Amino acid sequence: ADPVHAYVFIGPRGSGKRRAAAAFAGELIGDNEDRDRSRRLARSEDHPDLVVIEPEGNTLRAEEAEQVIVAASRAPVEAGAKVIVIDRFHDATAEAAARLLKPIEEPSASIRFVLLAEEIPPEHITIASRSTRIDFPAVTTAAITQALVGRGVPPEIAHAAADGSGGDVGRAELLVDDPAFAKRRELWWGVADQLDGSGHTVSELVRSLREAVDGSQEPLDTRHLVEAEVMTAQEELTGTRGSGRRAMDVRHKREARLHRTDEWRMGLATLAQRYREQVVAGGAGVDELAELTSASEVLSRNPSEELWLTALLLRLSPRG
């Protein structure tokens, strides 16, 4: 069948949407003269006719929507088609979504859009309805464990990393190299046992948890440092300093921000598991589970981690 003008890939972060979009772009772009080259460049997001737009901050803003509009107005450089991938479409502001509607709904014949989203908010339904939907399920803990073991990771470490990854293979790979990961989970596991209704206890728990989340950044910082050193070596070799440096810096900031959010959500999930055990055993905990779910949902929109966490812990009852 002939390709349509727009697709929307929906699934949780880490489910492979972006890698799939790059590979799919290689097929859409084509290039009968050297199809293998087109596929290879697209997979690495280096093809001149593959444009990837992603938020620099917490939301996809009007400025980034304008980048999409400009890219869509230009003809392909090499091939017969250009593919524009919009990452984290679910985070688009109302203004950005409004600007994107026309170019996505009425693109030129050579333009294809691939939207990547974890969900479709109600205000984005109009655009999504104009696109062909492809769902990506979360990667299972068993599948991630198997993949890690296949790379030589000890089974016990592989399972723990997979269990704490939230279905994100990339995060699981990072946790494998994080010696403090198990201690952080133990810290969260014991939070409910330490709650006693006092503000002092909550304050101490908030301090400990924030320090643990701060420390979780070290393996990612190490990875970023290596990437920066490689970039510097390439720049010295070629004698140039191009846009690749800025793109890398933007990506590093985004990955650091998302990593921190992942850490908080992992902690909330661990704490929820404790309360869930309590409910199964016939005790209280249903209200606490609802509080934890709500806290996870508003996490990315909360400007102060300390206030957010303090308010949450004050609302939770001691495990008993």
Protein backbone atom coordinates (compact mmCIF):
# COMPACT_ATOMS: atom_id res chain seq x y z
CA ALA A 1 0.00 0.00 0.00
CA ASP A 2 1.11 3.56 -0.61
CA PRO A 3 2.33 5.43 2.48
CA VAL A 4 -0.06 7.92 4.07
CA HIS A 5 0.89 11.49 4.96
CA ALA A 6 1.08 11.04 8.74
CA TYR A 7 1.58 8.32 11.32
CA VAL A 8 1.41 8.38 15.10
CA PHE A 9 3.44 5.85 17.09
CA ILE A 10 1.98 5.48 20.59
CA GLY A 11 3.65 3.68 23.48
CA PRO A 12 5.56 4.22 26.72
CA ARG A 13 9.05 5.69 26.71
CA GLY A 14 11.58 2.96 26.08
CA SER A 15 9.22 0.91 23.90
CA GLY A 16 11.34 1.55 20.80
CA LYS A 17 9.17 4.16 19.07
CA ARG A 18 12.02 6.45 18.07
CA ARG A 19 14.25 3.69 16.76
CA ALA A 20 11.32 2.29 14.83
CA ALA A 21 10.55 5.75 13.44
CA ALA A 22 14.12 6.13 12.18
CA ALA A 23 14.07 2.71 10.53
CA PHE A 24 10.63 3.41 9.07
CA ALA A 25 11.88 6.73 7.73
CA GLY A 26 14.60 4.87 5.86
CA GLU A 27 11.92 2.90 4.05
CA LEU A 28 9.76 5.95 3.34
CA ILE A 29 12.66 8.03 2.08
CA GLY A 30 13.77 5.32 -0.29
CA ASP A 31 16.42 6.18 -2.89
CA ASN A 32 16.56 3.54 -5.54
CA GLU A 33 20.20 4.33 -6.36
CA ASP A 34 21.50 3.44 -2.90
CA ARG A 35 18.72 2.18 -0.66
CA ASP A 36 21.12 0.58 1.82
CA ARG A 37 22.84 3.92 2.38
CA SER A 38 19.51 5.66 2.95
CA ARG A 39 18.47 3.05 5.47
CA ARG A 40 21.79 3.24 7.31
CA LEU A 41 21.77 7.04 7.52
CA ALA A 42 18.13 7.10 8.59
CA ARG A 43 18.69 4.58 11.38
CA SER A 44 21.38 6.83 12.83
CA GLU A 45 19.19 9.92 12.20
CA ASP A 46 21.85 11.35 9.88
CA HIS A 47 19.95 11.34 6.58
CA PRO A 48 19.46 14.89 5.23
CA ASP A 49 15.82 14.09 4.45
CA LEU A 50 15.04 12.91 7.97
CA VAL A 51 14.22 15.79 10.31
CA VAL A 52 13.73 15.07 14.02
CA ILE A 53 12.07 17.77 16.13
CA GLU A 54 11.96 17.31 19.89
CA PRO A 55 11.32 19.55 22.91
CA GLU A 56 14.30 21.21 24.54
CA GLY A 57 12.31 21.63 27.76
CA ASN A 58 9.35 19.95 29.43
CA THR A 59 6.96 20.83 26.61
CA LEU A 60 6.94 21.01 22.82
CA ARG A 61 6.55 24.74 22.34
CA ALA A 62 5.38 27.02 19.55
CA GLU A 63 9.02 27.69 18.63
CA GLU A 64 9.57 24.00 17.93
CA ALA A 65 6.29 23.81 16.02
CA GLU A 66 7.67 26.61 13.84
CA GLN A 67 10.71 24.44 13.09
CA VAL A 68 8.32 21.76 11.85
CA ILE A 69 6.52 24.25 9.62
CA VAL A 70 9.80 25.45 8.10
CA ALA A 71 11.03 21.89 7.51
CA ALA A 72 7.73 20.93 5.89
CA SER A 73 7.96 23.90 3.51
CA ARG A 74 11.27 22.73 2.06
CA ALA A 75 11.70 20.09 -0.63
CA PRO A 76 13.70 16.91 0.01
CA VAL A 77 17.46 17.29 -0.40
CA GLU A 78 18.35 13.91 -1.89
CA ALA A 79 15.40 11.57 -2.07
CA GLY A 80 11.86 11.74 -3.33
CA ALA A 81 10.41 12.15 0.16
CA LYS A 82 11.21 13.89 3.42
CA VAL A 83 10.22 12.44 6.80
CA ILE A 84 9.62 14.73 9.79
CA VAL A 85 9.60 12.97 13.16
CA ILE A 86 8.05 14.91 16.05
CA ASP A 87 9.14 13.38 19.34
CA ARG A 88 7.08 13.71 22.55
CA PHE A 89 4.08 14.98 20.65
CA HIS A 90 2.00 14.38 23.79
CA ASP A 91 3.91 17.23 25.46
CA ALA A 92 2.94 19.79 22.81
CA THR A 93 1.35 22.94 24.23
CA ALA A 94 -2.08 23.97 22.97
CA GLU A 95 -0.48 26.71 20.87
CA ALA A 96 2.06 24.31 19.36
CA ALA A 97 -0.63 21.75 18.55
CA ALA A 98 -2.73 24.42 16.87
CA ARG A 99 0.21 25.46 14.69
CA LEU A 100 0.95 21.87 13.72
CA LEU A 101 -2.57 21.04 12.58
CA LYS A 102 -2.45 22.54 9.08
CA PRO A 103 1.01 21.31 7.99
CA ILE A 104 0.22 17.80 9.22
CA GLU A 105 -3.28 17.79 7.76
CA GLU A 106 -2.28 19.29 4.40
CA PRO A 107 1.38 18.46 3.68
CA SER A 108 2.98 18.61 0.26
CA ALA A 109 3.13 15.32 -1.63
CA SER A 110 6.77 14.70 -0.67
CA ILE A 111 6.35 15.16 3.10
CA ARG A 112 5.62 12.39 5.62
CA PHE A 113 5.08 12.95 9.34
CA VAL A 114 5.73 10.49 12.17
CA LEU A 115 4.45 11.64 15.58
CA LEU A 116 5.81 9.92 18.69
CA ALA A 117 3.64 10.00 21.81
CA GLU A 118 3.20 8.20 25.10
CA GLU A 119 -0.50 9.05 25.02
CA ILE A 120 -2.88 11.31 23.13
CA PRO A 121 -4.21 14.13 25.33
CA PRO A 122 -7.78 15.26 24.53
CA GLU A 123 -6.55 18.53 23.02
CA HIS A 124 -4.40 16.59 20.50
CA ILE A 125 -7.10 14.21 19.28
CA THR A 126 -7.81 16.21 16.12
CA ILE A 127 -4.25 15.85 14.83
CA ALA A 128 -4.01 12.21 15.92
CA SER A 129 -7.26 11.42 14.11
CA ARG A 130 -5.66 12.59 10.85
CA SER A 131 -2.82 10.08 11.32
CA THR A 132 -2.48 6.32 11.03
CA ARG A 133 -2.01 4.94 14.54
CA ILE A 134 0.56 2.26 15.40
CA ASP A 135 0.74 1.07 19.02
CA PHE A 136 3.96 0.02 20.75
CA PRO A 137 3.53 -2.12 23.87
CA ALA A 138 5.81 -1.74 26.86
CA VAL A 139 8.84 -4.01 26.81
CA THR A 140 8.35 -6.67 29.48
CA THR A 141 10.68 -7.15 32.42
CA ALA A 142 11.38 -10.69 31.21
CA ALA A 143 12.36 -9.48 27.73
CA ILE A 144 14.70 -6.81 29.11
CA THR A 145 16.23 -9.29 31.55
CA GLN A 146 16.85 -11.76 28.75
CA ALA A 147 18.47 -9.07 26.59
CA LEU A 148 20.78 -7.98 29.41
CA VAL A 149 21.77 -11.55 30.27
CA GLY A 150 22.52 -12.08 26.59
CA ARG A 151 25.05 -9.25 26.85
CA GLY A 152 26.82 -10.89 29.74
CA VAL A 153 25.07 -9.22 32.69
CA PRO A 154 24.64 -11.57 35.69
CA PRO A 155 20.98 -12.73 35.88
CA GLU A 156 20.30 -11.28 39.35
CA ILE A 157 21.61 -7.83 38.37
CA ALA A 158 19.83 -8.02 35.01
CA HIS A 159 16.47 -8.77 36.64
CA ALA A 160 16.83 -6.00 39.22
CA ALA A 161 17.74 -3.46 36.52
CA ALA A 162 14.89 -4.60 34.29
CA ASP A 163 12.43 -4.44 37.18
CA GLY A 164 13.46 -0.86 37.97
CA SER A 165 13.54 0.31 34.37
CA GLY A 166 9.83 0.88 33.88
CA GLY A 167 10.03 -1.00 30.58
CA ASP A 168 12.78 1.27 29.21
CA VAL A 169 15.69 -0.72 27.80
CA GLY A 170 17.97 2.33 27.84
CA ARG A 171 17.30 2.95 31.52
CA ALA A 172 17.91 -0.73 32.31
CA GLU A 173 21.31 -0.50 30.60
CA LEU A 174 22.14 2.51 32.77
CA LEU A 175 21.03 0.82 36.00
CA VAL A 176 23.28 -2.16 35.30
CA ASP A 177 26.27 0.17 35.73
CA ASP A 178 24.84 1.85 38.85
CA PRO A 179 26.20 0.23 42.04
CA ALA A 180 23.93 2.35 44.25
CA PHE A 181 20.69 1.33 42.54
CA ALA A 182 19.87 -1.48 44.99
CA LYS A 183 20.43 0.82 47.98
CA ARG A 184 18.07 3.43 46.52
CA ARG A 185 15.33 0.85 46.12
CA GLU A 186 15.87 -0.31 49.70
CA LEU A 187 15.59 3.30 50.86
CA TRP A 188 12.23 3.72 49.13
CA TRP A 189 11.09 0.28 50.29
CA GLY A 190 11.53 1.37 53.90
CA VAL A 191 9.84 4.78 53.66
CA ALA A 192 6.43 3.55 54.79
CA ASP A 193 7.99 1.83 57.80
CA GLN A 194 9.61 5.10 58.92
CA LEU A 195 6.58 7.36 58.58
CA ASP A 196 5.23 8.23 62.03
CA GLY A 197 3.08 11.27 61.30
CA SER A 198 5.70 13.81 62.35
CA GLY A 199 6.98 16.64 60.20
CA HIS A 200 10.54 16.05 61.39
CA THR A 201 10.54 12.48 60.08
CA VAL A 202 9.13 13.61 56.76
CA SER A 203 11.80 16.30 56.50
CA GLU A 204 14.57 13.76 57.10
CA LEU A 205 13.08 11.35 54.56
CA VAL A 206 12.82 14.10 51.95
CA ARG A 207 16.48 14.99 52.50
CA SER A 208 17.62 11.36 52.19
CA LEU A 209 15.53 10.66 49.11
CA ARG A 210 16.66 13.81 47.33
CA GLU A 211 20.31 12.98 48.05
CA ALA A 212 19.76 9.50 46.64
CA VAL A 213 18.17 10.86 43.47
CA ASP A 214 21.02 13.37 43.11
CA GLY A 215 23.53 10.52 43.35
CA SER A 216 21.71 8.45 40.75
CA GLN A 217 22.91 10.92 38.13
CA GLU A 218 26.55 9.77 38.31
CA PRO A 219 26.42 6.88 35.76
CA LEU A 220 24.62 9.12 33.27
CA ASP A 221 27.11 11.93 33.86
CA THR A 222 29.93 9.48 33.14
CA ARG A 223 28.30 8.41 29.89
CA HIS A 224 27.80 12.04 28.87
CA LEU A 225 31.43 12.84 29.66
CA VAL A 226 32.62 10.04 27.38
CA GLU A 227 30.35 11.28 24.58
CA ALA A 228 31.65 14.82 25.01
CA GLU A 229 35.25 13.61 24.83
CA VAL A 230 34.50 11.71 21.62
CA MET A 231 32.86 14.83 20.18
CA THR A 232 35.91 16.93 21.11
CA ALA A 233 38.24 14.43 19.45
CA GLN A 234 36.15 14.51 16.27
CA GLU A 235 36.16 18.31 16.25
CA GLU A 236 39.93 18.41 16.67
CA LEU A 237 40.35 15.88 13.87
CA THR A 238 38.17 17.80 11.42
CA GLY A 239 39.06 21.27 12.65
CA THR A 240 35.39 22.23 12.91
CA ARG A 241 32.87 22.84 15.67
CA GLY A 242 29.40 22.42 14.21
CA SER A 243 25.80 22.06 15.27
CA GLY A 244 26.49 18.54 16.53
CA ARG A 245 27.92 19.97 19.76
CA ARG A 246 24.80 21.97 20.53
CA ALA A 247 22.54 19.04 19.64
CA MET A 248 24.54 16.82 22.00
CA ASP A 249 24.33 19.37 24.82
CA VAL A 250 20.57 19.69 24.36
CA ARG A 251 20.19 15.91 24.37
CA HIS A 252 22.31 15.56 27.50
CA LYS A 253 20.15 18.09 29.36
CA ARG A 254 16.99 16.33 28.22
CA GLU A 255 18.32 12.91 29.25
CA ALA A 256 19.36 14.23 32.66
CA ARG A 257 15.91 15.72 33.24
CA LEU A 258 14.12 12.55 32.14
CA HIS A 259 16.46 10.39 34.21
CA ARG A 260 15.58 12.35 37.32
CA THR A 261 11.87 11.97 36.60
CA ASP A 262 12.38 8.24 36.07
CA GLU A 263 14.12 7.98 39.44
CA TRP A 264 11.25 9.64 41.27
CA ARG A 265 8.71 7.42 39.52
CA MET A 266 10.74 4.31 40.28
CA GLY A 267 10.71 5.32 43.93
CA LEU A 268 6.97 5.92 43.93
CA ALA A 269 6.41 2.54 42.27
CA THR A 270 8.56 0.83 44.91
CA LEU A 271 6.66 2.53 47.71
CA ALA A 272 3.35 1.62 46.06
CA GLN A 273 4.42 -2.01 46.06
CA ARG A 274 4.81 -1.87 49.85
CA TYR A 275 1.33 -0.45 50.33
CA ARG A 276 -0.07 -2.95 47.83
CA GLU A 277 1.30 -5.79 49.94
CA GLN A 278 -0.43 -4.25 52.93
CA VAL A 279 -3.77 -4.11 51.09
CA VAL A 280 -3.45 -7.72 49.93
CA ALA A 281 -2.80 -8.74 53.54
CA GLY A 282 -6.09 -7.10 54.53
CA GLY A 283 -4.74 -3.83 55.85
CA ALA A 284 -5.22 -0.21 54.87
CA GLY A 285 -3.43 1.37 51.94
CA VAL A 286 -5.96 2.00 49.18
CA ASP A 287 -5.94 5.76 49.79
CA GLU A 288 -2.13 5.77 49.85
CA LEU A 289 -1.99 3.99 46.50
CA ALA A 290 -4.26 6.66 45.04
CA GLU A 291 -2.01 9.40 46.45
CA LEU A 292 1.07 7.78 44.89
CA THR A 293 -0.63 7.49 41.51
CA SER A 294 -1.67 11.14 41.64
CA ALA A 295 1.83 12.23 42.68
CA SER A 296 3.37 10.39 39.74
CA GLU A 297 0.97 12.03 37.30
CA VAL A 298 1.74 15.60 38.42
CA LEU A 299 5.49 15.10 38.90
CA SER A 300 6.63 16.62 35.59
CA ARG A 301 4.43 19.68 36.15
CA ASN A 302 5.62 20.42 39.69
CA PRO A 303 8.22 23.21 39.96
CA SER A 304 9.54 22.14 43.38
CA GLU A 305 10.58 18.55 44.08
CA GLU A 306 10.98 19.27 47.79
CA LEU A 307 7.48 20.69 48.26
CA TRP A 308 5.95 17.97 46.05
CA LEU A 309 7.61 15.16 48.01
CA THR A 310 6.97 16.73 51.42
CA ALA A 311 3.27 17.15 50.68
CA LEU A 312 3.04 13.56 49.46
CA LEU A 313 4.74 12.00 52.49
CA LEU A 314 2.60 14.03 54.88
CA ARG A 315 -0.50 12.56 53.22
CA LEU A 316 0.70 8.97 53.52
CA SER A 317 -0.10 6.85 56.54
CA PRO A 318 2.51 4.71 58.30
CA ARG A 319 2.55 1.12 57.10
CA GLY A 320 0.94 -1.07 59.65
